[in-house]
């Protein structure tokens, strides 16, 4: 499971799921790659990760410096009881959410690996993509699968082409 602490990591996480699912999901091997975004998915997936079956590990992807500076405004009526967050940056709130999540998951017996990058830019994204591609290739070979073919993908494509009447299928 890949956990992103910033919303702008969503599409990297989608790519990561495709990479690991297609590369390792062969011969009834490999883990189901899943991703969540803090804080969006904490309530739904956090419960399962915290107390569900222990069949996964978690990779927490953290970013030290946010490219946006957004603070929570003060609400004079404080009807929602959230003024304790007033004047705090969203990046600080996300960091606290990540810290609390990692502690709870580790305390609950979930293996957690943390990857921290300074910021999200072209260079850092390139480093992350290379890191995950290399790690995926190595882990695929360790599982005894060829991480560079896609027989399952070819099977559904051939069926689809046949059903659609593509010549040669």
C-alpha atoms as a PDB file:
ATOM      1  CA  UNK A   1       0.000   0.000   0.000  1.00  0.00           C
ATOM      2  CA  UNK A   2       1.313   3.427  -0.946  1.00  0.00           C
ATOM      3  CA  UNK A   3       0.193   6.291   1.272  1.00  0.00           C
ATOM      4  CA  UNK A   4       0.578   9.828  -0.020  1.00  0.00           C
ATOM      5  CA  UNK A   5       0.526  12.776   2.350  1.00  0.00           C
ATOM      6  CA  UNK A   6      -0.241  15.405  -0.276  1.00  0.00           C
ATOM      7  CA  UNK A   7      -3.085  15.558  -2.794  1.00  0.00           C
ATOM      8  CA  UNK A   8      -0.678  16.223  -5.671  1.00  0.00           C
ATOM      9  CA  UNK A   9       0.736  12.703  -5.220  1.00  0.00           C
ATOM     10  CA  UNK A  10      -2.555  11.106  -6.299  1.00  0.00           C
ATOM     11  CA  UNK A  11      -1.540  10.407  -9.884  1.00  0.00           C
ATOM     12  CA  UNK A  12       1.879   9.111  -8.855  1.00  0.00           C
ATOM     13  CA  UNK A  13       0.032   6.649  -6.615  1.00  0.00           C
ATOM     14  CA  UNK A  14      -2.228   5.621  -9.526  1.00  0.00           C
ATOM     15  CA  UNK A  15       0.857   4.976 -11.670  1.00  0.00           C
ATOM     16  CA  UNK A  16       2.452   3.021  -8.787  1.00  0.00           C
ATOM     17  CA  UNK A  17      -0.603   0.733  -8.572  1.00  0.00           C
ATOM     18  CA  UNK A  18      -0.415   0.061 -12.310  1.00  0.00           C
ATOM     19  CA  UNK A  19       3.328  -0.611 -12.125  1.00  0.00           C
ATOM     20  CA  UNK A  20       3.160  -3.122  -9.283  1.00  0.00           C
ATOM     21  CA  UNK A  21      -0.108  -4.772 -10.342  1.00  0.00           C
ATOM     22  CA  UNK A  22       1.070  -5.379 -13.901  1.00  0.00           C
ATOM     23  CA  UNK A  23       4.647  -6.291 -12.960  1.00  0.00           C
ATOM     24  CA  UNK A  24       4.136  -8.598  -9.969  1.00  0.00           C
ATOM     25  CA  UNK A  25       0.573  -9.887 -10.302  1.00  0.00           C
ATOM     26  CA  UNK A  26       1.484 -13.136 -12.053  1.00  0.00           C
ATOM     27  CA  UNK A  27       1.513 -16.839 -11.252  1.00  0.00           C
ATOM     28  CA  UNK A  28      -0.772 -16.139  -8.248  1.00  0.00           C
ATOM     29  CA  UNK A  29       1.952 -14.034  -6.649  1.00  0.00           C
ATOM     30  CA  UNK A  30       2.453 -10.440  -5.608  1.00  0.00           C
ATOM     31  CA  UNK A  31       0.479  -8.290  -3.227  1.00  0.00           C
ATOM     32  CA  UNK A  32      -2.566  -6.313  -4.289  1.00  0.00           C
ATOM     33  CA  UNK A  33      -1.220  -2.782  -4.792  1.00  0.00           C
ATOM     34  CA  UNK A  34      -3.460  -0.172  -3.244  1.00  0.00           C
ATOM     35  CA  UNK A  35      -3.005   3.482  -2.429  1.00  0.00           C
ATOM     36  CA  UNK A  36      -4.591   5.945  -0.087  1.00  0.00           C
ATOM     37  CA  UNK A  37      -4.362   9.671   0.315  1.00  0.00           C
ATOM     38  CA  UNK A  38      -4.096  11.270   3.714  1.00  0.00           C
ATOM     39  CA  UNK A  39      -6.473  12.576   4.948  1.00  0.00           C
ATOM     40  CA  UNK A  40      -9.097  11.695   2.361  1.00  0.00           C
ATOM     41  CA  UNK A  41      -8.976   7.909   2.863  1.00  0.00           C
ATOM     42  CA  UNK A  42      -8.019   7.647   6.519  1.00  0.00           C
ATOM     43  CA  UNK A  43     -11.530   6.967   7.744  1.00  0.00           C
ATOM     44  CA  UNK A  44     -12.439   4.376   5.122  1.00  0.00           C
ATOM     45  CA  UNK A  45      -9.176   2.501   4.593  1.00  0.00           C
ATOM     46  CA  UNK A  46      -7.555   3.448   7.886  1.00  0.00           C
ATOM     47  CA  UNK A  47      -9.951   1.226   9.822  1.00  0.00           C
ATOM     48  CA  UNK A  48      -9.067  -1.788   7.679  1.00  0.00           C
ATOM     49  CA  UNK A  49      -5.335  -1.120   7.816  1.00  0.00           C
ATOM     50  CA  UNK A  50      -5.474  -0.630  11.575  1.00  0.00           C
ATOM     51  CA  UNK A  51      -7.563  -3.664  12.526  1.00  0.00           C
ATOM     52  CA  UNK A  52      -8.062  -5.770   9.392  1.00  0.00           C
ATOM     53  CA  UNK A  53      -6.199  -8.883   8.296  1.00  0.00           C
ATOM     54  CA  UNK A  54      -2.408  -8.526   8.392  1.00  0.00           C
ATOM     55  CA  UNK A  55      -1.611  -9.156   4.752  1.00  0.00           C
ATOM     56  CA  UNK A  56      -0.015  -5.906   3.744  1.00  0.00           C
ATOM     57  CA  UNK A  57       2.767  -3.483   4.369  1.00  0.00           C
ATOM     58  CA  UNK A  58       2.533   0.255   4.050  1.00  0.00           C
ATOM     59  CA  UNK A  59       4.855   2.687   2.301  1.00  0.00           C
ATOM     60  CA  UNK A  60       4.343   6.241   3.536  1.00  0.00           C
ATOM     61  CA  UNK A  61       5.493   8.861   1.041  1.00  0.00           C
ATOM     62  CA  UNK A  62       6.195  12.159   2.809  1.00  0.00           C
ATOM     63  CA  UNK A  63       7.092  15.572   1.423  1.00  0.00           C
ATOM     64  CA  UNK A  64       9.009  18.002   3.651  1.00  0.00           C
ATOM     65  CA  UNK A  65       8.204  21.261   1.877  1.00  0.00           C
ATOM     66  CA  UNK A  66       4.837  22.030   0.330  1.00  0.00           C
ATOM     67  CA  UNK A  67       4.642  24.196  -2.758  1.00  0.00           C
ATOM     68  CA  UNK A  68       1.435  25.820  -1.472  1.00  0.00           C
ATOM     69  CA  UNK A  69       0.953  27.852   1.686  1.00  0.00           C
ATOM     70  CA  UNK A  70      -2.667  27.535   2.774  1.00  0.00           C
ATOM     71  CA  UNK A  71      -3.758  28.231   6.343  1.00  0.00           C
ATOM     72  CA  UNK A  72      -7.011  27.458   8.097  1.00  0.00           C
ATOM     73  CA  UNK A  73      -9.042  30.604   8.759  1.00  0.00           C
ATOM     74  CA  UNK A  74     -10.568  31.501  12.135  1.00  0.00           C
ATOM     75  CA  UNK A  75     -14.324  31.046  12.436  1.00  0.00           C
ATOM     76  CA  UNK A  76     -15.611  33.499  15.058  1.00  0.00           C
ATOM     77  CA  UNK A  77     -18.555  31.274  15.978  1.00  0.00           C
ATOM     78  CA  UNK A  78     -16.413  28.084  16.127  1.00  0.00           C
ATOM     79  CA  UNK A  79     -19.608  26.088  15.542  1.00  0.00           C
ATOM     80  CA  UNK A  80     -17.619  23.132  14.225  1.00  0.00           C
ATOM     81  CA  UNK A  81     -15.123  23.203  17.105  1.00  0.00           C
ATOM     82  CA  UNK A  82     -12.193  23.368  14.705  1.00  0.00           C
ATOM     83  CA  UNK A  83     -10.696  26.697  15.738  1.00  0.00           C
ATOM     84  CA  UNK A  84      -7.847  24.806  17.370  1.00  0.00           C
ATOM     85  CA  UNK A  85      -6.644  24.407  13.764  1.00  0.00           C
ATOM     86  CA  UNK A  86      -6.978  28.123  12.962  1.00  0.00           C
ATOM     87  CA  UNK A  87      -3.883  29.779  11.537  1.00  0.00           C
ATOM     88  CA  UNK A  88      -2.163  26.420  11.018  1.00  0.00           C
ATOM     89  CA  UNK A  89      -0.895  25.498   7.587  1.00  0.00           C
ATOM     90  CA  UNK A  90      -2.540  22.540   5.853  1.00  0.00           C
ATOM     91  CA  UNK A  91       0.925  21.039   5.384  1.00  0.00           C
ATOM     92  CA  UNK A  92       1.379  21.027   9.195  1.00  0.00           C
ATOM     93  CA  UNK A  93      -2.023  19.406   9.684  1.00  0.00           C
ATOM     94  CA  UNK A  94      -1.213  16.761   7.058  1.00  0.00           C
ATOM     95  CA  UNK A  95       2.126  16.076   8.765  1.00  0.00           C
ATOM     96  CA  UNK A  96       0.371  15.526  12.098  1.00  0.00           C
ATOM     97  CA  UNK A  97      -2.155  13.248  10.382  1.00  0.00           C
ATOM     98  CA  UNK A  98       0.702  11.235   8.849  1.00  0.00           C
ATOM     99  CA  UNK A  99       2.608  11.056  12.153  1.00  0.00           C
ATOM    100  CA  UNK A 100      -0.498   9.899  14.019  1.00  0.00           C
ATOM    101  CA  UNK A 101      -1.312   7.364  11.309  1.00  0.00           C
ATOM    102  CA  UNK A 102       2.166   5.851  11.243  1.00  0.00           C
ATOM    103  CA  UNK A 103       2.222   5.539  15.035  1.00  0.00           C
ATOM    104  CA  UNK A 104      -1.196   3.872  15.137  1.00  0.00           C
ATOM    105  CA  UNK A 105      -0.349   1.453  12.329  1.00  0.00           C
ATOM    106  CA  UNK A 106       3.048   0.507  13.766  1.00  0.00           C
ATOM    107  CA  UNK A 107       1.470   0.050  17.215  1.00  0.00           C
ATOM    108  CA  UNK A 108      -1.149  -2.142  15.515  1.00  0.00           C
ATOM    109  CA  UNK A 109       1.470  -4.386  13.914  1.00  0.00           C
ATOM    110  CA  UNK A 110       1.471  -3.008  10.365  1.00  0.00           C
ATOM    111  CA  UNK A 111       4.950  -2.866   8.806  1.00  0.00           C
ATOM    112  CA  UNK A 112       5.539   0.719   7.660  1.00  0.00           C
ATOM    113  CA  UNK A 113       8.328   2.002   5.413  1.00  0.00           C
ATOM    114  CA  UNK A 114       8.685   5.768   5.165  1.00  0.00           C
ATOM    115  CA  UNK A 115      10.110   7.574   2.153  1.00  0.00           C
ATOM    116  CA  UNK A 116      10.692  11.297   2.615  1.00  0.00           C
ATOM    117  CA  UNK A 117      11.503  13.729  -0.154  1.00  0.00           C
ATOM    118  CA  UNK A 118      12.287  17.420   0.228  1.00  0.00           C
ATOM    119  CA  UNK A 119       9.726  18.692  -2.281  1.00  0.00           C
ATOM    120  CA  UNK A 120       7.743  17.648  -5.311  1.00  0.00           C
ATOM    121  CA  UNK A 121       9.351  18.855  -8.512  1.00  0.00           C
ATOM    122  CA  UNK A 122      10.474  17.316 -11.800  1.00  0.00           C
ATOM    123  CA  UNK A 123      13.783  16.100 -10.395  1.00  0.00           C
ATOM    124  CA  UNK A 124      12.272  14.493  -7.299  1.00  0.00           C
ATOM    125  CA  UNK A 125       9.470  12.862  -9.290  1.00  0.00           C
ATOM    126  CA  UNK A 126      12.093  11.414 -11.633  1.00  0.00           C
ATOM    127  CA  UNK A 127      13.974  10.006  -8.651  1.00  0.00           C
ATOM    128  CA  UNK A 128      10.806   8.466  -7.212  1.00  0.00           C
ATOM    129  CA  UNK A 129       9.805   6.926 -10.536  1.00  0.00           C
ATOM    130  CA  UNK A 130      13.265   5.422 -11.016  1.00  0.00           C
ATOM    131  CA  UNK A 131      13.308   4.137  -7.420  1.00  0.00           C
ATOM    132  CA  UNK A 132       9.905   2.446  -7.710  1.00  0.00           C
ATOM    133  CA  UNK A 133      10.652   0.981 -11.158  1.00  0.00           C
ATOM    134  CA  UNK A 134      13.968  -0.454  -9.974  1.00  0.00           C
ATOM    135  CA  UNK A 135      12.445  -1.788  -6.732  1.00  0.00           C
ATOM    136  CA  UNK A 136       9.566  -3.340  -8.676  1.00  0.00           C
ATOM    137  CA  UNK A 137      11.933  -5.099 -11.078  1.00  0.00           C
ATOM    138  CA  UNK A 138      14.012  -6.505  -8.227  1.00  0.00           C
ATOM    139  CA  UNK A 139      10.988  -7.625  -6.201  1.00  0.00           C
ATOM    140  CA  UNK A 140       9.410  -9.216  -9.284  1.00  0.00           C
ATOM    141  CA  UNK A 141      12.487 -11.351  -9.853  1.00  0.00           C
ATOM    142  CA  UNK A 142      12.575 -12.203  -6.133  1.00  0.00           C
ATOM    143  CA  UNK A 143       8.971 -13.432  -6.472  1.00  0.00           C
ATOM    144  CA  UNK A 144       9.992 -15.590  -9.412  1.00  0.00           C
ATOM    145  CA  UNK A 145       8.010 -13.668 -12.039  1.00  0.00           C
ATOM    146  CA  UNK A 146       9.088 -11.726 -15.098  1.00  0.00           C
ATOM    147  CA  UNK A 147       8.227  -8.135 -14.158  1.00  0.00           C
ATOM    148  CA  UNK A 148       8.503  -7.022 -17.780  1.00  0.00           C
ATOM    149  CA  UNK A 149       5.743  -9.013 -19.453  1.00  0.00           C
ATOM    150  CA  UNK A 150       1.975  -8.811 -19.128  1.00  0.00           C
ATOM    151  CA  UNK A 151       0.299 -12.114 -20.015  1.00  0.00           C
ATOM    152  CA  UNK A 152      -2.899 -11.289 -18.109  1.00  0.00           C
ATOM    153  CA  UNK A 153      -3.248  -7.966 -19.902  1.00  0.00           C
ATOM    154  CA  UNK A 154      -2.716  -9.667 -23.258  1.00  0.00           C
ATOM    155  CA  UNK A 155      -5.416 -12.244 -22.413  1.00  0.00           C
ATOM    156  CA  UNK A 156      -8.140  -9.655 -21.822  1.00  0.00           C
ATOM    157  CA  UNK A 157      -7.027  -7.560 -24.800  1.00  0.00           C
ATOM    158  CA  UNK A 158      -7.208 -10.598 -27.101  1.00  0.00           C
ATOM    159  CA  UNK A 159     -10.698 -11.428 -25.780  1.00  0.00           C
ATOM    160  CA  UNK A 160     -11.825  -7.835 -26.268  1.00  0.00           C
ATOM    161  CA  UNK A 161     -10.428  -7.683 -29.804  1.00  0.00           C
ATOM    162  CA  UNK A 162     -12.130 -10.984 -30.651  1.00  0.00           C
ATOM    163  CA  UNK A 163     -15.475  -9.753 -29.264  1.00  0.00           C
ATOM    164  CA  UNK A 164     -15.138  -6.497 -31.184  1.00  0.00           C
ATOM    165  CA  UNK A 165     -14.326  -8.332 -34.436  1.00  0.00           C
ATOM    166  CA  UNK A 166     -10.800  -7.005 -34.907  1.00  0.00           C
ATOM    167  CA  UNK A 167      -9.219  -8.747 -37.920  1.00  0.00           C
ATOM    168  CA  UNK A 168      -6.810 -11.504 -36.913  1.00  0.00           C
ATOM    169  CA  UNK A 169      -8.532 -12.289 -33.625  1.00  0.00           C
END
